[in-house]
Amino acid sequence: MKTIYMDSDFKCRTVGDGTLTAAETDFFDGKCDEFVEGYRFVPTGQCWTREDGAVFHGEMAAPWKPWQALDKAQREYERELVSQLQTENATLISDMAQMIDEVYRSDLEMMGI
């Protein structure tokens, strides 16, 4: 669950400032801040009325910024995460290889080889 903060027009923010309403949702789990802040979120039990009079009842999440821009930001965020994980994996593999080599050399030494 991620805590988001909404203004009076239900536009999302990732950081509260004392004037925003907090809500928890899993809709934004794994999403970057730019993606979250491009959405409007209406919690369960509340409703938002659009300028043309259309009423939307919660739970509702919908982009208010161009979706293509939000998708682009999210994809870049995910590429960065993948790159970080690849770096971490390479480090772990290197560390494991070094540990295996140390154990192997220790075993050889104990066997007098």
PDB file of N, CA and C in Angstrom:
ATOM      1  N   MET A   1       0.835  -1.197   0.000  1.00  0.00           N
ATOM      2  CA  MET A   1       0.000   0.000   0.000  1.00  0.00           C
ATOM      3  C   MET A   1       0.866   1.241   0.000  1.00  0.00           C
ATOM      4  N   LYS A   2       0.473   2.170  -0.776  1.00  0.00           N
ATOM      5  CA  LYS A   2       1.207   3.438  -0.876  1.00  0.00           C
ATOM      6  C   LYS A   2       0.308   4.560  -0.365  1.00  0.00           C
ATOM      7  N   THR A   3       0.885   5.459   0.393  1.00  0.00           N
ATOM      8  CA  THR A   3       0.142   6.627   0.844  1.00  0.00           C
ATOM      9  C   THR A   3       0.331   7.737  -0.171  1.00  0.00           C
ATOM     10  N   ILE A   4      -0.788   8.275  -0.625  1.00  0.00           N
ATOM     11  CA  ILE A   4      -0.767   9.422  -1.526  1.00  0.00           C
ATOM     12  C   ILE A   4      -1.500  10.564  -0.840  1.00  0.00           C
ATOM     13  N   TYR A   5      -1.351  11.745  -1.395  1.00  0.00           N
ATOM     14  CA  TYR A   5      -1.993  12.929  -0.837  1.00  0.00           C
ATOM     15  C   TYR A   5      -2.736  13.627  -1.965  1.00  0.00           C
ATOM     16  N   MET A   6      -3.961  14.050  -1.672  1.00  0.00           N
ATOM     17  CA  MET A   6      -4.796  14.648  -2.705  1.00  0.00           C
ATOM     18  C   MET A   6      -5.183  16.067  -2.332  1.00  0.00           C
ATOM     19  N   ASP A   7      -5.232  16.917  -3.363  1.00  0.00           N
ATOM     20  CA  ASP A   7      -5.719  18.276  -3.135  1.00  0.00           C
ATOM     21  C   ASP A   7      -7.246  18.266  -3.209  1.00  0.00           C
ATOM     22  N   SER A   8      -7.863  19.426  -3.162  1.00  0.00           N
ATOM     23  CA  SER A   8      -9.324  19.509  -3.142  1.00  0.00           C
ATOM     24  C   SER A   8      -9.954  19.069  -4.458  1.00  0.00           C
ATOM     25  N   ASP A   9      -9.140  18.965  -5.517  1.00  0.00           N
ATOM     26  CA  ASP A   9      -9.625  18.502  -6.821  1.00  0.00           C
ATOM     27  C   ASP A   9      -9.241  17.045  -7.066  1.00  0.00           C
ATOM     28  N   PHE A  10      -8.780  16.367  -5.998  1.00  0.00           N
ATOM     29  CA  PHE A  10      -8.389  14.958  -6.019  1.00  0.00           C
ATOM     30  C   PHE A  10      -7.151  14.686  -6.873  1.00  0.00           C
ATOM     31  N   LYS A  11      -6.350  15.730  -7.174  1.00  0.00           N
ATOM     32  CA  LYS A  11      -5.089  15.522  -7.876  1.00  0.00           C
ATOM     33  C   LYS A  11      -4.062  15.034  -6.858  1.00  0.00           C
ATOM     34  N   CYS A  12      -3.301  14.037  -7.266  1.00  0.00           N
ATOM     35  CA  CYS A  12      -2.392  13.346  -6.351  1.00  0.00           C
ATOM     36  C   CYS A  12      -1.058  14.056  -6.195  1.00  0.00           C
ATOM     37  N   ARG A  13      -0.514  13.890  -5.013  1.00  0.00           N
ATOM     38  CA  ARG A  13       0.835  14.326  -4.678  1.00  0.00           C
ATOM     39  C   ARG A  13       1.486  13.160  -3.929  1.00  0.00           C
ATOM     40  N   THR A  14       2.798  13.134  -3.950  1.00  0.00           N
ATOM     41  CA  THR A  14       3.506  12.053  -3.258  1.00  0.00           C
ATOM     42  C   THR A  14       3.975  12.475  -1.879  1.00  0.00           C
ATOM     43  N   VAL A  15       3.902  13.781  -1.594  1.00  0.00           N
ATOM     44  CA  VAL A  15       4.327  14.307  -0.298  1.00  0.00           C
ATOM     45  C   VAL A  15       3.224  15.217   0.232  1.00  0.00           C
ATOM     46  N   GLY A  16       2.874  15.007   1.492  1.00  0.00           N
ATOM     47  CA  GLY A  16       1.856  15.852   2.111  1.00  0.00           C
ATOM     48  C   GLY A  16       2.451  17.161   2.600  1.00  0.00           C
ATOM     49  N   ASP A  17       1.601  18.177   2.668  1.00  0.00           N
ATOM     50  CA  ASP A  17       2.062  19.472   3.163  1.00  0.00           C
ATOM     51  C   ASP A  17       1.205  19.984   4.321  1.00  0.00           C
ATOM     52  N   GLY A  18       0.364  19.114   4.856  1.00  0.00           N
ATOM     53  CA  GLY A  18      -0.511  19.507   5.949  1.00  0.00           C
ATOM     54  C   GLY A  18      -1.878  19.979   5.493  1.00  0.00           C
ATOM     55  N   THR A  19      -1.997  20.339   4.218  1.00  0.00           N
ATOM     56  CA  THR A  19      -3.298  20.780   3.697  1.00  0.00           C
ATOM     57  C   THR A  19      -3.951  19.727   2.820  1.00  0.00           C
ATOM     58  N   LEU A  20      -3.213  18.694   2.486  1.00  0.00           N
ATOM     59  CA  LEU A  20      -3.714  17.655   1.578  1.00  0.00           C
ATOM     60  C   LEU A  20      -4.322  16.499   2.357  1.00  0.00           C
ATOM     61  N   THR A  21      -5.208  15.780   1.698  1.00  0.00           N
ATOM     62  CA  THR A  21      -5.860  14.625   2.302  1.00  0.00           C
ATOM     63  C   THR A  21      -5.073  13.360   1.951  1.00  0.00           C
ATOM     64  N   ALA A  22      -4.736  12.575   2.949  1.00  0.00           N
ATOM     65  CA  ALA A  22      -3.979  11.335   2.736  1.00  0.00           C
ATOM     66  C   ALA A  22      -4.931  10.177   2.442  1.00  0.00           C
ATOM     67  N   ALA A  23      -4.465   9.269   1.618  1.00  0.00           N
ATOM     68  CA  ALA A  23      -5.210   8.038   1.331  1.00  0.00           C
ATOM     69  C   ALA A  23      -4.205   6.938   1.044  1.00  0.00           C
ATOM     70  N   GLU A  24      -4.579   5.716   1.360  1.00  0.00           N
ATOM     71  CA  GLU A  24      -3.737   4.568   1.052  1.00  0.00           C
ATOM     72  C   GLU A  24      -4.387   3.777  -0.065  1.00  0.00           C
ATOM     73  N   THR A  25      -3.564   3.361  -1.022  1.00  0.00           N
ATOM     74  CA  THR A  25      -4.054   2.560  -2.136  1.00  0.00           C
ATOM     75  C   THR A  25      -2.907   1.724  -2.681  1.00  0.00           C
ATOM     76  N   ASP A  26      -3.244   0.601  -3.277  1.00  0.00           N
ATOM     77  CA  ASP A  26      -2.216  -0.206  -3.928  1.00  0.00           C
ATOM     78  C   ASP A  26      -2.157   0.098  -5.423  1.00  0.00           C
ATOM     79  N   PHE A  27      -3.024   0.987  -5.899  1.00  0.00           N
ATOM     80  CA  PHE A  27      -3.051   1.335  -7.322  1.00  0.00           C
ATOM     81  C   PHE A  27      -1.700   1.880  -7.793  1.00  0.00           C
ATOM     82  N   PHE A  28      -1.025   2.637  -6.944  1.00  0.00           N
ATOM     83  CA  PHE A  28       0.221   3.282  -7.333  1.00  0.00           C
ATOM     84  C   PHE A  28       1.478   2.526  -6.883  1.00  0.00           C
ATOM     85  N   ASP A  29       1.321   1.325  -6.358  1.00  0.00           N
ATOM     86  CA  ASP A  29       2.491   0.540  -5.954  1.00  0.00           C
ATOM     87  C   ASP A  29       3.412   0.339  -7.157  1.00  0.00           C
ATOM     88  N   GLY A  30       4.684   0.620  -6.974  1.00  0.00           N
ATOM     89  CA  GLY A  30       5.663   0.445  -8.042  1.00  0.00           C
ATOM     90  C   GLY A  30       5.693   1.575  -9.052  1.00  0.00           C
ATOM     91  N   LYS A  31       4.952   2.625  -8.806  1.00  0.00           N
ATOM     92  CA  LYS A  31       4.905   3.738  -9.748  1.00  0.00           C
ATOM     93  C   LYS A  31       5.815   4.872  -9.281  1.00  0.00           C
ATOM     94  N   CYS A  32       6.402   5.573 -10.245  1.00  0.00           N
ATOM     95  CA  CYS A  32       7.277   6.699  -9.928  1.00  0.00           C
ATOM     96  C   CYS A  32       6.439   7.915  -9.525  1.00  0.00           C
ATOM     97  N   ASP A  33       7.091   8.855  -8.866  1.00  0.00           N
ATOM     98  CA  ASP A  33       6.394  10.050  -8.380  1.00  0.00           C
ATOM     99  C   ASP A  33       5.725  10.825  -9.507  1.00  0.00           C
ATOM    100  N   GLU A  34       6.408  10.967 -10.633  1.00  0.00           N
ATOM    101  CA  GLU A  34       5.840  11.731 -11.754  1.00  0.00           C
ATOM    102  C   GLU A  34       4.550  11.080 -12.249  1.00  0.00           C
ATOM    103  N   PHE A  35       4.521   9.762 -12.290  1.00  0.00           N
ATOM    104  CA  PHE A  35       3.315   9.037 -12.698  1.00  0.00           C
ATOM    105  C   PHE A  35       2.187   9.315 -11.714  1.00  0.00           C
ATOM    106  N   VAL A  36       2.469   9.147 -10.419  1.00  0.00           N
ATOM    107  CA  VAL A  36       1.457   9.354  -9.375  1.00  0.00           C
ATOM    108  C   VAL A  36       0.899  10.766  -9.448  1.00  0.00           C
ATOM    109  N   GLU A  37       1.781  11.742  -9.611  1.00  0.00           N
ATOM    110  CA  GLU A  37       1.356  13.136  -9.575  1.00  0.00           C
ATOM    111  C   GLU A  37       0.656  13.590 -10.859  1.00  0.00           C
ATOM    112  N   GLY A  38       0.528  12.690 -11.807  1.00  0.00           N
ATOM    113  CA  GLY A  38      -0.238  12.969 -13.015  1.00  0.00           C
ATOM    114  C   GLY A  38      -1.635  12.382 -12.957  1.00  0.00           C
ATOM    115  N   TYR A  39      -2.011  11.837 -11.793  1.00  0.00           N
ATOM    116  CA  TYR A  39      -3.304  11.179 -11.638  1.00  0.00           C
ATOM    117  C   TYR A  39      -4.219  11.926 -10.675  1.00  0.00           C
ATOM    118  N   ARG A  40      -5.475  11.666 -10.857  1.00  0.00           N
ATOM    119  CA  ARG A  40      -6.521  12.089  -9.918  1.00  0.00           C
ATOM    120  C   ARG A  40      -7.012  10.792  -9.274  1.00  0.00           C
ATOM    121  N   PHE A  41      -7.163  10.804  -7.963  1.00  0.00           N
ATOM    122  CA  PHE A  41      -7.611   9.614  -7.241  1.00  0.00           C
ATOM    123  C   PHE A  41      -8.762   9.981  -6.320  1.00  0.00           C
ATOM    124  N   VAL A  42      -9.872   9.299  -6.502  1.00  0.00           N
ATOM    125  CA  VAL A  42     -11.047   9.497  -5.653  1.00  0.00           C
ATOM    126  C   VAL A  42     -11.190   8.253  -4.779  1.00  0.00           C
ATOM    127  N   PRO A  43     -10.999   8.397  -3.477  1.00  0.00           N
ATOM    128  CA  PRO A  43     -11.098   7.239  -2.584  1.00  0.00           C
ATOM    129  C   PRO A  43     -12.525   6.690  -2.493  1.00  0.00           C
ATOM    130  N   THR A  44     -12.617   5.456  -2.066  1.00  0.00           N
ATOM    131  CA  THR A  44     -13.916   4.827  -1.831  1.00  0.00           C
ATOM    132  C   THR A  44     -14.739   5.689  -0.881  1.00  0.00           C
ATOM    133  N   GLY A  45     -16.017   5.847  -1.233  1.00  0.00           N
ATOM    134  CA  GLY A  45     -16.921   6.614  -0.392  1.00  0.00           C
ATOM    135  C   GLY A  45     -16.949   8.100  -0.694  1.00  0.00           C
ATOM    136  N   GLN A  46     -16.102   8.553  -1.620  1.00  0.00           N
ATOM    137  CA  GLN A  46     -16.107   9.960  -1.992  1.00  0.00           C
ATOM    138  C   GLN A  46     -16.450  10.095  -3.464  1.00  0.00           C
ATOM    139  N   CYS A  47     -16.755  11.314  -3.888  1.00  0.00           N
ATOM    140  CA  CYS A  47     -17.020  11.535  -5.302  1.00  0.00           C
ATOM    141  C   CYS A  47     -16.417  12.859  -5.741  1.00  0.00           C
ATOM    142  N   TRP A  48     -16.135  12.930  -7.022  1.00  0.00           N
ATOM    143  CA  TRP A  48     -15.578  14.126  -7.638  1.00  0.00           C
ATOM    144  C   TRP A  48     -16.476  14.509  -8.788  1.00  0.00           C
ATOM    145  N   THR A  49     -16.769  15.786  -8.904  1.00  0.00           N
ATOM    146  CA  THR A  49     -17.609  16.285  -9.989  1.00  0.00           C
ATOM    147  C   THR A  49     -16.743  17.067 -10.957  1.00  0.00           C
ATOM    148  N   ARG A  50     -16.733  16.585 -12.188  1.00  0.00           N
ATOM    149  CA  ARG A  50     -15.955  17.232 -13.241  1.00  0.00           C
ATOM    150  C   ARG A  50     -16.640  18.540 -13.643  1.00  0.00           C
ATOM    151  N   GLU A  51     -15.905  19.425 -14.304  1.00  0.00           N
ATOM    152  CA  GLU A  51     -16.430  20.726 -14.704  1.00  0.00           C
ATOM    153  C   GLU A  51     -17.728  20.637 -15.499  1.00  0.00           C
ATOM    154  N   ASP A  52     -17.890  19.561 -16.281  1.00  0.00           N
ATOM    155  CA  ASP A  52     -19.098  19.423 -17.106  1.00  0.00           C
ATOM    156  C   ASP A  52     -20.264  18.806 -16.340  1.00  0.00           C
ATOM    157  N   GLY A  53     -20.070  18.566 -15.047  1.00  0.00           N
ATOM    158  CA  GLY A  53     -21.141  18.029 -14.218  1.00  0.00           C
ATOM    159  C   GLY A  53     -21.123  16.518 -14.047  1.00  0.00           C
ATOM    160  N   ALA A  54     -20.266  15.821 -14.765  1.00  0.00           N
ATOM    161  CA  ALA A  54     -20.173  14.368 -14.616  1.00  0.00           C
ATOM    162  C   ALA A  54     -19.614  14.052 -13.232  1.00  0.00           C
ATOM    163  N   VAL A  55     -20.234  13.076 -12.578  1.00  0.00           N
ATOM    164  CA  VAL A  55     -19.841  12.701 -11.223  1.00  0.00           C
ATOM    165  C   VAL A  55     -19.139  11.345 -11.270  1.00  0.00           C
ATOM    166  N   PHE A  56     -17.992  11.274 -10.587  1.00  0.00           N
ATOM    167  CA  PHE A  56     -17.220  10.043 -10.517  1.00  0.00           C
ATOM    168  C   PHE A  56     -17.118   9.614  -9.058  1.00  0.00           C
ATOM    169  N   HIS A  57     -17.558   8.401  -8.798  1.00  0.00           N
ATOM    170  CA  HIS A  57     -17.549   7.865  -7.435  1.00  0.00           C
ATOM    171  C   HIS A  57     -16.296   7.018  -7.238  1.00  0.00           C
ATOM    172  N   GLY A  58     -15.757   7.063  -6.024  1.00  0.00           N
ATOM    173  CA  GLY A  58     -14.560   6.296  -5.712  1.00  0.00           C
ATOM    174  C   GLY A  58     -14.898   4.858  -5.406  1.00  0.00           C
ATOM    175  N   GLU A  59     -13.982   4.025  -5.621  1.00  0.00           N
ATOM    176  CA  GLU A  59     -12.591   4.289  -5.888  1.00  0.00           C
ATOM    177  C   GLU A  59     -12.413   4.491  -7.386  1.00  0.00           C
ATOM    178  N   MET A  60     -11.717   5.569  -7.713  1.00  0.00           N
ATOM    179  CA  MET A  60     -11.452   5.896  -9.098  1.00  0.00           C
ATOM    180  C   MET A  60     -10.059   6.491  -9.217  1.00  0.00           C
ATOM    181  N   ALA A  61      -9.339   6.075 -10.237  1.00  0.00           N
ATOM    182  CA  ALA A  61      -8.040   6.666 -10.559  1.00  0.00           C
ATOM    183  C   ALA A  61      -8.029   6.923 -12.052  1.00  0.00           C
ATOM    184  N   ALA A  62      -7.646   8.130 -12.417  1.00  0.00           N
ATOM    185  CA  ALA A  62      -7.605   8.492 -13.835  1.00  0.00           C
ATOM    186  C   ALA A  62      -6.547   9.573 -14.038  1.00  0.00           C
ATOM    187  N   PRO A  63      -5.843   9.496 -15.159  1.00  0.00           N
ATOM    188  CA  PRO A  63      -4.826  10.524 -15.416  1.00  0.00           C
ATOM    189  C   PRO A  63      -5.474  11.875 -15.726  1.00  0.00           C
ATOM    190  N   TRP A  64      -4.857  12.934 -15.220  1.00  0.00           N
ATOM    191  CA  TRP A  64      -5.290  14.278 -15.603  1.00  0.00           C
ATOM    192  C   TRP A  64      -4.219  14.956 -16.449  1.00  0.00           C
ATOM    193  N   LYS A  65      -3.029  14.387 -16.466  1.00  0.00           N
ATOM    194  CA  LYS A  65      -1.968  14.828 -17.375  1.00  0.00           C
ATOM    195  C   LYS A  65      -1.965  13.866 -18.557  1.00  0.00           C
ATOM    196  N   PRO A  66      -1.346  14.255 -19.678  1.00  0.00           N
ATOM    197  CA  PRO A  66      -1.301  13.351 -20.836  1.00  0.00           C
ATOM    198  C   PRO A  66      -0.715  11.991 -20.468  1.00  0.00           C
ATOM    199  N   TRP A  67      -1.463  10.943 -20.774  1.00  0.00           N
ATOM    200  CA  TRP A  67      -1.062   9.597 -20.390  1.00  0.00           C
ATOM    201  C   TRP A  67       0.269   9.206 -21.017  1.00  0.00           C
ATOM    202  N   GLN A  68       0.532   9.637 -22.250  1.00  0.00           N
ATOM    203  CA  GLN A  68       1.788   9.271 -22.907  1.00  0.00           C
ATOM    204  C   GLN A  68       2.992   9.776 -22.113  1.00  0.00           C
ATOM    205  N   ALA A  69       2.886  10.979 -21.561  1.00  0.00           N
ATOM    206  CA  ALA A  69       3.989  11.529 -20.760  1.00  0.00           C
ATOM    207  C   ALA A  69       4.172  10.733 -19.472  1.00  0.00           C
ATOM    208  N   LEU A  70       3.070  10.331 -18.863  1.00  0.00           N
ATOM    209  CA  LEU A  70       3.146   9.541 -17.628  1.00  0.00           C
ATOM    210  C   LEU A  70       3.736   8.169 -17.910  1.00  0.00           C
ATOM    211  N   ASP A  71       3.322   7.572 -19.010  1.00  0.00           N
ATOM    212  CA  ASP A  71       3.847   6.265 -19.399  1.00  0.00           C
ATOM    213  C   ASP A  71       5.340   6.353 -19.683  1.00  0.00           C
ATOM    214  N   LYS A  72       5.762   7.414 -20.351  1.00  0.00           N
ATOM    215  CA  LYS A  72       7.187   7.610 -20.650  1.00  0.00           C
ATOM    216  C   LYS A  72       7.992   7.737 -19.354  1.00  0.00           C
ATOM    217  N   ALA A  73       7.494   8.517 -18.402  1.00  0.00           N
ATOM    218  CA  ALA A  73       8.188   8.684 -17.117  1.00  0.00           C
ATOM    219  C   ALA A  73       8.275   7.356 -16.376  1.00  0.00           C
ATOM    220  N   GLN A  74       7.186   6.584 -16.382  1.00  0.00           N
ATOM    221  CA  GLN A  74       7.171   5.301 -15.690  1.00  0.00           C
ATOM    222  C   GLN A  74       8.145   4.318 -16.333  1.00  0.00           C
ATOM    223  N   ARG A  75       8.185   4.297 -17.657  1.00  0.00           N
ATOM    224  CA  ARG A  75       9.106   3.388 -18.353  1.00  0.00           C
ATOM    225  C   ARG A  75      10.563   3.734 -18.055  1.00  0.00           C
ATOM    226  N   GLU A  76      10.875   5.030 -18.005  1.00  0.00           N
ATOM    227  CA  GLU A  76      12.236   5.452 -17.678  1.00  0.00           C
ATOM    228  C   GLU A  76      12.593   5.037 -16.251  1.00  0.00           C
ATOM    229  N   TYR A  77      11.664   5.218 -15.339  1.00  0.00           N
ATOM    230  CA  TYR A  77      11.838   4.805 -13.940  1.00  0.00           C
ATOM    231  C   TYR A  77      12.119   3.305 -13.870  1.00  0.00           C
ATOM    232  N   GLU A  78      11.358   2.520 -14.620  1.00  0.00           N
ATOM    233  CA  GLU A  78      11.543   1.067 -14.610  1.00  0.00           C
ATOM    234  C   GLU A  78      12.877   0.675 -15.236  1.00  0.00           C
ATOM    235  N   ARG A  79      13.294   1.390 -16.296  1.00  0.00           N
ATOM    236  CA  ARG A  79      14.612   1.113 -16.895  1.00  0.00           C
ATOM    237  C   ARG A  79      15.725   1.377 -15.882  1.00  0.00           C
ATOM    238  N   GLU A  80      15.591   2.456 -15.116  1.00  0.00           N
ATOM    239  CA  GLU A  80      16.590   2.757 -14.092  1.00  0.00           C
ATOM    240  C   GLU A  80      16.620   1.665 -13.021  1.00  0.00           C
ATOM    241  N   LEU A  81      15.438   1.183 -12.622  1.00  0.00           N
ATOM    242  CA  LEU A  81      15.386   0.101 -11.636  1.00  0.00           C
ATOM    243  C   LEU A  81      16.056  -1.157 -12.169  1.00  0.00           C
ATOM    244  N   VAL A  82      15.781  -1.497 -13.423  1.00  0.00           N
ATOM    245  CA  VAL A  82      16.392  -2.683 -14.027  1.00  0.00           C
ATOM    246  C   VAL A  82      17.906  -2.528 -14.063  1.00  0.00           C
ATOM    247  N   SER A  83      18.370  -1.358 -14.434  1.00  0.00           N
ATOM    248  CA  SER A  83      19.817  -1.116 -14.476  1.00  0.00           C
ATOM    249  C   SER A  83      20.441  -1.271 -13.091  1.00  0.00           C
ATOM    250  N   GLN A  84      19.783  -0.722 -12.079  1.00  0.00           N
ATOM    251  CA  GLN A  84      20.288  -0.858 -10.707  1.00  0.00           C
ATOM    252  C   GLN A  84      20.322  -2.320 -10.284  1.00  0.00           C
ATOM    253  N   LEU A  85      19.268  -3.064 -10.612  1.00  0.00           N
ATOM    254  CA  LEU A  85      19.223  -4.483 -10.245  1.00  0.00           C
ATOM    255  C   LEU A  85      20.293  -5.280 -10.982  1.00  0.00           C
ATOM    256  N   GLN A  86      20.525  -4.946 -12.242  1.00  0.00           N
ATOM    257  CA  GLN A  86      21.570  -5.641 -12.992  1.00  0.00           C
ATOM    258  C   GLN A  86      22.942  -5.392 -12.355  1.00  0.00           C
ATOM    259  N   THR A  87      23.185  -4.164 -11.930  1.00  0.00           N
ATOM    260  CA  THR A  87      24.445  -3.835 -11.268  1.00  0.00           C
ATOM    261  C   THR A  87      24.569  -4.591  -9.956  1.00  0.00           C
ATOM    262  N   GLU A  88      23.493  -4.602  -9.175  1.00  0.00           N
ATOM    263  CA  GLU A  88      23.505  -5.338  -7.902  1.00  0.00           C
ATOM    264  C   GLU A  88      23.725  -6.831  -8.136  1.00  0.00           C
ATOM    265  N   ASN A  89      23.073  -7.387  -9.143  1.00  0.00           N
ATOM    266  CA  ASN A  89      23.236  -8.816  -9.445  1.00  0.00           C
ATOM    267  C   ASN A  89      24.674  -9.130  -9.850  1.00  0.00           C
ATOM    268  N   ALA A  90      25.267  -8.273 -10.668  1.00  0.00           N
ATOM    269  CA  ALA A  90      26.653  -8.492 -11.090  1.00  0.00           C
ATOM    270  C   ALA A  90      27.591  -8.474  -9.880  1.00  0.00           C
ATOM    271  N   THR A  91      27.343  -7.558  -8.963  1.00  0.00           N
ATOM    272  CA  THR A  91      28.156  -7.488  -7.741  1.00  0.00           C
ATOM    273  C   THR A  91      27.981  -8.747  -6.909  1.00  0.00           C
ATOM    274  N   LEU A  92      26.736  -9.193  -6.751  1.00  0.00           N
ATOM    275  CA  LEU A  92      26.479 -10.412  -5.974  1.00  0.00           C
ATOM    276  C   LEU A  92      27.132 -11.632  -6.610  1.00  0.00           C
ATOM    277  N   ILE A  93      27.051 -11.744  -7.916  1.00  0.00           N
ATOM    278  CA  ILE A  93      27.666 -12.880  -8.610  1.00  0.00           C
ATOM    279  C   ILE A  93      29.177 -12.857  -8.423  1.00  0.00           C
ATOM    280  N   SER A  94      29.765 -11.682  -8.536  1.00  0.00           N
ATOM    281  CA  SER A  94      31.205 -11.547  -8.324  1.00  0.00           C
ATOM    282  C   SER A  94      31.585 -11.927  -6.892  1.00  0.00           C
ATOM    283  N   ASP A  95      30.823 -11.440  -5.930  1.00  0.00           N
ATOM    284  CA  ASP A  95      31.090 -11.761  -4.520  1.00  0.00           C
ATOM    285  C   ASP A  95      30.959 -13.258  -4.265  1.00  0.00           C
ATOM    286  N   MET A  96      29.916 -13.884  -4.854  1.00  0.00           N
ATOM    287  CA  MET A  96      29.732 -15.330  -4.666  1.00  0.00           C
ATOM    288  C   MET A  96      30.877 -16.109  -5.299  1.00  0.00           C
ATOM    289  N   ALA A  97      31.318 -15.680  -6.470  1.00  0.00           N
ATOM    290  CA  ALA A  97      32.429 -16.365  -7.133  1.00  0.00           C
ATOM    291  C   ALA A  97      33.691 -16.271  -6.278  1.00  0.00           C
ATOM    292  N   GLN A  98      33.912 -15.122  -5.685  1.00  0.00           N
ATOM    293  CA  GLN A  98      35.077 -14.947  -4.819  1.00  0.00           C
ATOM    294  C   GLN A  98      34.961 -15.843  -3.585  1.00  0.00           C
ATOM    295  N   MET A  99      33.780 -15.938  -3.007  1.00  0.00           N
ATOM    296  CA  MET A  99      33.573 -16.798  -1.829  1.00  0.00           C
ATOM    297  C   MET A  99      33.813 -18.252  -2.187  1.00  0.00           C
ATOM    298  N   ILE A 100      33.310 -18.676  -3.342  1.00  0.00           N
ATOM    299  CA  ILE A 100      33.499 -20.067  -3.774  1.00  0.00           C
ATOM    300  C   ILE A 100      34.977 -20.357  -3.987  1.00  0.00           C
ATOM    301  N   ASP A 101      35.664 -19.405  -4.608  1.00  0.00           N
ATOM    302  CA  ASP A 101      37.105 -19.581  -4.834  1.00  0.00           C
ATOM    303  C   ASP A 101      37.848 -19.687  -3.508  1.00  0.00           C
ATOM    304  N   GLU A 102      37.481 -18.855  -2.541  1.00  0.00           N
ATOM    305  CA  GLU A 102      38.135 -18.900  -1.228  1.00  0.00           C
ATOM    306  C   GLU A 102      37.880 -20.231  -0.526  1.00  0.00           C
ATOM    307  N   VAL A 103      36.660 -20.739  -0.600  1.00  0.00           N
ATOM    308  CA  VAL A 103      36.336 -22.033   0.015  1.00  0.00           C
ATOM    309  C   VAL A 103      37.111 -23.143  -0.690  1.00  0.00           C
ATOM    310  N   TYR A 104      37.152 -23.095  -2.015  1.00  0.00           N
ATOM    311  CA  TYR A 104      37.871 -24.097  -2.790  1.00  0.00           C
ATOM    312  C   TYR A 104      39.355 -24.107  -2.414  1.00  0.00           C
ATOM    313  N   ARG A 105      39.962 -22.932  -2.339  1.00  0.00           N
ATOM    314  CA  ARG A 105      41.383 -22.843  -1.986  1.00  0.00           C
ATOM    315  C   ARG A 105      41.614 -23.323  -0.538  1.00  0.00           C
ATOM    316  N   SER A 106      40.694 -23.004   0.338  1.00  0.00           N
ATOM    317  CA  SER A 106      40.801 -23.438   1.726  1.00  0.00           C
ATOM    318  C   SER A 106      40.721 -24.973   1.796  1.00  0.00           C
ATOM    319  N   ASP A 107      39.794 -25.551   1.045  1.00  0.00           N
ATOM    320  CA  ASP A 107      39.662 -27.016   1.014  1.00  0.00           C
ATOM    321  C   ASP A 107      40.925 -27.671   0.491  1.00  0.00           C
ATOM    322  N   LEU A 108      41.466 -27.097  -0.584  1.00  0.00           N
ATOM    323  CA  LEU A 108      42.716 -27.646  -1.155  1.00  0.00           C
ATOM    324  C   LEU A 108      43.845 -27.577  -0.123  1.00  0.00           C
ATOM    325  N   GLU A 109      43.905 -26.468   0.578  1.00  0.00           N
ATOM    326  CA  GLU A 109      44.942 -26.285   1.587  1.00  0.00           C
ATOM    327  C   GLU A 109      44.789 -27.300   2.711  1.00  0.00           C
ATOM    328  N   MET A 110      43.538 -27.529   3.146  1.00  0.00           N
ATOM    329  CA  MET A 110      43.285 -28.502   4.220  1.00  0.00           C
ATOM    330  C   MET A 110      43.630 -29.916   3.767  1.00  0.00           C
ATOM    331  N   MET A 111      43.476 -30.200   2.463  1.00  0.00           N
ATOM    332  CA  MET A 111      43.791 -31.526   1.964  1.00  0.00           C
ATOM    333  C   MET A 111      45.273 -31.673   1.622  1.00  0.00           C
ATOM    334  N   GLY A 112      45.996 -30.564   1.744  1.00  0.00           N
ATOM    335  CA  GLY A 112      47.427 -30.595   1.464  1.00  0.00           C
ATOM    336  C   GLY A 112      47.750 -30.638   0.003  1.00  0.00           C
ATOM    337  N   ILE A 113      46.869 -30.133  -0.781  1.00  0.00           N
ATOM    338  CA  ILE A 113      47.084 -30.157  -2.257  1.00  0.00           C
ATOM    339  C   ILE A 113      47.583 -28.805  -2.710  1.00  0.00           C
TER     340      ILE A 113
END
